[in-house]
Amino acid sequence: MIKIIDSENIYTKKTWDINQLKRKIHQRNIGGLRQMKKDKITKEKIEKYYSITKKALGIVKKSISQNREKEAKEIIQMVECYLSDSKHFEKNEDYTNSFGAIYYAHGWLDCGARLKIFNVKDNKLFTV
């Protein structure tokens, strides 16, 4: 009895044709590669989320709530610093920290939105 086990199935047969084995192994490897691609931080993923955060930053700069200019200025400065850090990490091919810096930047924007420092309504760009 020969068993082929992957993350989701166990294939059991008394005999396996070599081509059947090759197909099963190939399918298993392709599935693993697809999963790795989803879990991997790529340059494309960094560019995508960087542009989303940059777009959100542009919106908040035009949406500062009255009498909250001081807090808004501090948040915007932090966001710009984190975005700058992200570019530095990306340039050095440190994609994990680049991606993390983008998330910190966007977290600052979400915080400002939740605290009503920014008068924003877009629930796709901000946690409002």
C-alpha atoms as a PDB file:
ATOM      1  CA  MET A   1       0.000   0.000   0.000  1.00  0.00           C
ATOM      2  CA  ILE A   2       1.384   3.404  -1.003  1.00  0.00           C
ATOM      3  CA  LYS A   3       0.125   6.644   0.507  1.00  0.00           C
ATOM      4  CA  ILE A   4       0.634  10.165  -0.730  1.00  0.00           C
ATOM      5  CA  ILE A   5      -0.238  12.721   1.917  1.00  0.00           C
ATOM      6  CA  ASP A   6      -0.625  16.427   1.337  1.00  0.00           C
ATOM      7  CA  SER A   7      -2.069  19.131   3.540  1.00  0.00           C
ATOM      8  CA  GLU A   8      -5.659  18.334   2.589  1.00  0.00           C
ATOM      9  CA  ASN A   9      -5.868  14.742   1.345  1.00  0.00           C
ATOM     10  CA  ILE A  10      -4.484  11.264   1.727  1.00  0.00           C
ATOM     11  CA  TYR A  11      -4.313   9.286  -1.494  1.00  0.00           C
ATOM     12  CA  THR A  12      -4.129   5.529  -1.000  1.00  0.00           C
ATOM     13  CA  LYS A  13      -3.777   2.905  -3.716  1.00  0.00           C
ATOM     14  CA  LYS A  14      -2.258  -0.514  -3.959  1.00  0.00           C
ATOM     15  CA  THR A  15      -0.351   0.467  -7.080  1.00  0.00           C
ATOM     16  CA  TRP A  16       0.492   3.797  -8.586  1.00  0.00           C
ATOM     17  CA  ASP A  17       1.405   4.489 -12.156  1.00  0.00           C
ATOM     18  CA  ILE A  18       4.532   6.672 -12.305  1.00  0.00           C
ATOM     19  CA  ASN A  19       2.595   9.343 -14.258  1.00  0.00           C
ATOM     20  CA  GLN A  20      -0.123   9.384 -11.602  1.00  0.00           C
ATOM     21  CA  LEU A  21       2.548   9.921  -8.959  1.00  0.00           C
ATOM     22  CA  LYS A  22       4.121  12.728 -10.956  1.00  0.00           C
ATOM     23  CA  ARG A  23       0.736  14.444 -11.378  1.00  0.00           C
ATOM     24  CA  LYS A  24      -0.052  14.220  -7.647  1.00  0.00           C
ATOM     25  CA  ILE A  25       3.369  15.543  -6.681  1.00  0.00           C
ATOM     26  CA  HIS A  26       3.064  18.346  -9.247  1.00  0.00           C
ATOM     27  CA  GLN A  27      -0.413  19.302  -7.976  1.00  0.00           C
ATOM     28  CA  ARG A  28       0.844  19.291  -4.409  1.00  0.00           C
ATOM     29  CA  ASN A  29       3.858  21.443  -5.271  1.00  0.00           C
ATOM     30  CA  ILE A  30       1.778  23.944  -7.279  1.00  0.00           C
ATOM     31  CA  GLY A  31      -0.649  24.307  -4.373  1.00  0.00           C
ATOM     32  CA  GLY A  32       2.283  24.960  -2.054  1.00  0.00           C
ATOM     33  CA  LEU A  33       3.718  27.564  -4.408  1.00  0.00           C
ATOM     34  CA  ARG A  34       0.370  29.339  -4.609  1.00  0.00           C
ATOM     35  CA  GLN A  35       0.193  29.455  -0.820  1.00  0.00           C
ATOM     36  CA  MET A  36       3.752  30.775  -0.580  1.00  0.00           C
ATOM     37  CA  LYS A  37       2.937  33.537  -3.043  1.00  0.00           C
ATOM     38  CA  LYS A  38      -0.075  34.615  -0.949  1.00  0.00           C
ATOM     39  CA  ASP A  39       2.011  34.688   2.220  1.00  0.00           C
ATOM     40  CA  LYS A  40       5.025  36.442   0.694  1.00  0.00           C
ATOM     41  CA  ILE A  41       5.524  40.192   0.860  1.00  0.00           C
ATOM     42  CA  THR A  42       6.284  41.181  -2.704  1.00  0.00           C
ATOM     43  CA  LYS A  43       7.439  44.456  -4.201  1.00  0.00           C
ATOM     44  CA  GLU A  44       4.036  44.649  -5.961  1.00  0.00           C
ATOM     45  CA  LYS A  45       2.207  44.285  -2.648  1.00  0.00           C
ATOM     46  CA  ILE A  46       4.351  47.034  -1.114  1.00  0.00           C
ATOM     47  CA  GLU A  47       3.658  49.337  -4.065  1.00  0.00           C
ATOM     48  CA  LYS A  48      -0.079  48.653  -3.839  1.00  0.00           C
ATOM     49  CA  TYR A  49      -0.388  49.436  -0.128  1.00  0.00           C
ATOM     50  CA  TYR A  50       2.046  52.339  -0.323  1.00  0.00           C
ATOM     51  CA  SER A  51      -0.134  53.999  -2.965  1.00  0.00           C
ATOM     52  CA  ILE A  52      -3.286  53.365  -0.904  1.00  0.00           C
ATOM     53  CA  THR A  53      -1.709  55.001   2.146  1.00  0.00           C
ATOM     54  CA  LYS A  54      -0.345  57.859   0.048  1.00  0.00           C
ATOM     55  CA  LYS A  55      -3.850  58.438  -1.347  1.00  0.00           C
ATOM     56  CA  ALA A  56      -5.314  58.422   2.176  1.00  0.00           C
ATOM     57  CA  LEU A  57      -2.642  60.898   3.295  1.00  0.00           C
ATOM     58  CA  GLY A  58      -3.614  63.262   0.490  1.00  0.00           C
ATOM     59  CA  ILE A  59      -7.232  63.104   1.603  1.00  0.00           C
ATOM     60  CA  VAL A  60      -6.525  63.810   5.284  1.00  0.00           C
ATOM     61  CA  LYS A  61      -4.363  66.804   4.428  1.00  0.00           C
ATOM     62  CA  LYS A  62      -7.496  68.385   2.933  1.00  0.00           C
ATOM     63  CA  SER A  63      -9.814  67.181   5.704  1.00  0.00           C
ATOM     64  CA  ILE A  64      -8.395  68.528   8.947  1.00  0.00           C
ATOM     65  CA  SER A  65     -11.102  69.198  11.527  1.00  0.00           C
ATOM     66  CA  GLN A  66     -11.430  72.709  12.873  1.00  0.00           C
ATOM     67  CA  ASN A  67      -9.263  73.418  15.965  1.00  0.00           C
ATOM     68  CA  ARG A  68      -7.364  70.111  15.488  1.00  0.00           C
ATOM     69  CA  GLU A  69      -4.549  71.475  13.335  1.00  0.00           C
ATOM     70  CA  LYS A  70      -1.798  70.799  15.900  1.00  0.00           C
ATOM     71  CA  GLU A  71      -2.713  67.113  16.314  1.00  0.00           C
ATOM     72  CA  ALA A  72      -3.211  66.723  12.558  1.00  0.00           C
ATOM     73  CA  LYS A  73       0.236  68.168  11.866  1.00  0.00           C
ATOM     74  CA  GLU A  74       1.852  65.666  14.275  1.00  0.00           C
ATOM     75  CA  ILE A  75       0.014  62.714  12.732  1.00  0.00           C
ATOM     76  CA  ILE A  76       0.810  63.792   9.178  1.00  0.00           C
ATOM     77  CA  GLN A  77       4.478  64.156  10.099  1.00  0.00           C
ATOM     78  CA  MET A  78       4.539  60.630  11.593  1.00  0.00           C
ATOM     79  CA  VAL A  79       2.841  59.207   8.494  1.00  0.00           C
ATOM     80  CA  GLU A  80       5.333  60.908   6.196  1.00  0.00           C
ATOM     81  CA  CYS A  81       8.244  59.591   8.284  1.00  0.00           C
ATOM     82  CA  TYR A  82       6.923  56.031   8.187  1.00  0.00           C
ATOM     83  CA  LEU A  83       6.353  56.247   4.440  1.00  0.00           C
ATOM     84  CA  SER A  84       9.908  57.510   4.031  1.00  0.00           C
ATOM     85  CA  ASP A  85      11.135  54.595   6.171  1.00  0.00           C
ATOM     86  CA  SER A  86       9.159  52.225   3.969  1.00  0.00           C
ATOM     87  CA  LYS A  87      10.935  53.484   0.859  1.00  0.00           C
ATOM     88  CA  HIS A  88      14.320  53.163   2.604  1.00  0.00           C
ATOM     89  CA  PHE A  89      13.595  49.543   3.583  1.00  0.00           C
ATOM     90  CA  GLU A  90      12.259  48.732   0.118  1.00  0.00           C
ATOM     91  CA  LYS A  91      15.387  50.154  -1.501  1.00  0.00           C
ATOM     92  CA  ASN A  92      17.454  47.818   0.692  1.00  0.00           C
ATOM     93  CA  GLU A  93      15.160  44.884  -0.238  1.00  0.00           C
ATOM     94  CA  ASP A  94      13.922  44.612   3.344  1.00  0.00           C
ATOM     95  CA  TYR A  95      10.332  44.037   2.288  1.00  0.00           C
ATOM     96  CA  THR A  96       9.077  42.919   5.691  1.00  0.00           C
ATOM     97  CA  ASN A  97      10.025  46.178   7.397  1.00  0.00           C
ATOM     98  CA  SER A  98       8.940  48.180   4.358  1.00  0.00           C
ATOM     99  CA  PHE A  99       5.476  46.638   4.576  1.00  0.00           C
ATOM    100  CA  GLY A 100       5.394  47.109   8.349  1.00  0.00           C
ATOM    101  CA  ALA A 101       6.224  50.808   8.019  1.00  0.00           C
ATOM    102  CA  ILE A 102       3.315  51.231   5.595  1.00  0.00           C
ATOM    103  CA  TYR A 103       0.968  49.619   8.102  1.00  0.00           C
ATOM    104  CA  TYR A 104       2.210  51.865  10.902  1.00  0.00           C
ATOM    105  CA  ALA A 105       1.686  54.890   8.640  1.00  0.00           C
ATOM    106  CA  HIS A 106      -1.853  53.854   7.821  1.00  0.00           C
ATOM    107  CA  GLY A 107      -2.510  53.084  11.484  1.00  0.00           C
ATOM    108  CA  TRP A 108      -1.700  56.691  12.319  1.00  0.00           C
ATOM    109  CA  LEU A 109      -4.188  57.856   9.679  1.00  0.00           C
ATOM    110  CA  ASP A 110      -6.878  55.544  11.045  1.00  0.00           C
ATOM    111  CA  CYS A 111      -6.227  56.810  14.549  1.00  0.00           C
ATOM    112  CA  GLY A 112      -6.658  60.417  13.405  1.00  0.00           C
ATOM    113  CA  ALA A 113      -9.873  59.486  11.621  1.00  0.00           C
ATOM    114  CA  ARG A 114     -11.286  57.689  14.689  1.00  0.00           C
ATOM    115  CA  LEU A 115     -10.407  60.612  16.956  1.00  0.00           C
ATOM    116  CA  LYS A 116     -12.142  62.975  14.511  1.00  0.00           C
ATOM    117  CA  ILE A 117      -8.916  64.881  13.883  1.00  0.00           C
ATOM    118  CA  PHE A 118      -9.610  64.290  10.216  1.00  0.00           C
ATOM    119  CA  ASN A 119     -13.101  64.728   8.848  1.00  0.00           C
ATOM    120  CA  VAL A 120     -13.172  61.685   6.570  1.00  0.00           C
ATOM    121  CA  LYS A 121     -16.043  59.371   5.663  1.00  0.00           C
ATOM    122  CA  ASP A 122     -14.419  56.821   3.303  1.00  0.00           C
ATOM    123  CA  ASN A 123     -14.718  53.497   5.126  1.00  0.00           C
ATOM    124  CA  LYS A 124     -12.575  51.740   2.518  1.00  0.00           C
ATOM    125  CA  LEU A 125      -9.530  53.904   3.197  1.00  0.00           C
ATOM    126  CA  PHE A 126     -10.081  54.595   6.881  1.00  0.00           C
ATOM    127  CA  THR A 127     -11.390  52.820   9.952  1.00  0.00           C
ATOM    128  CA  VAL A 128     -14.367  55.114  10.620  1.00  0.00           C
END
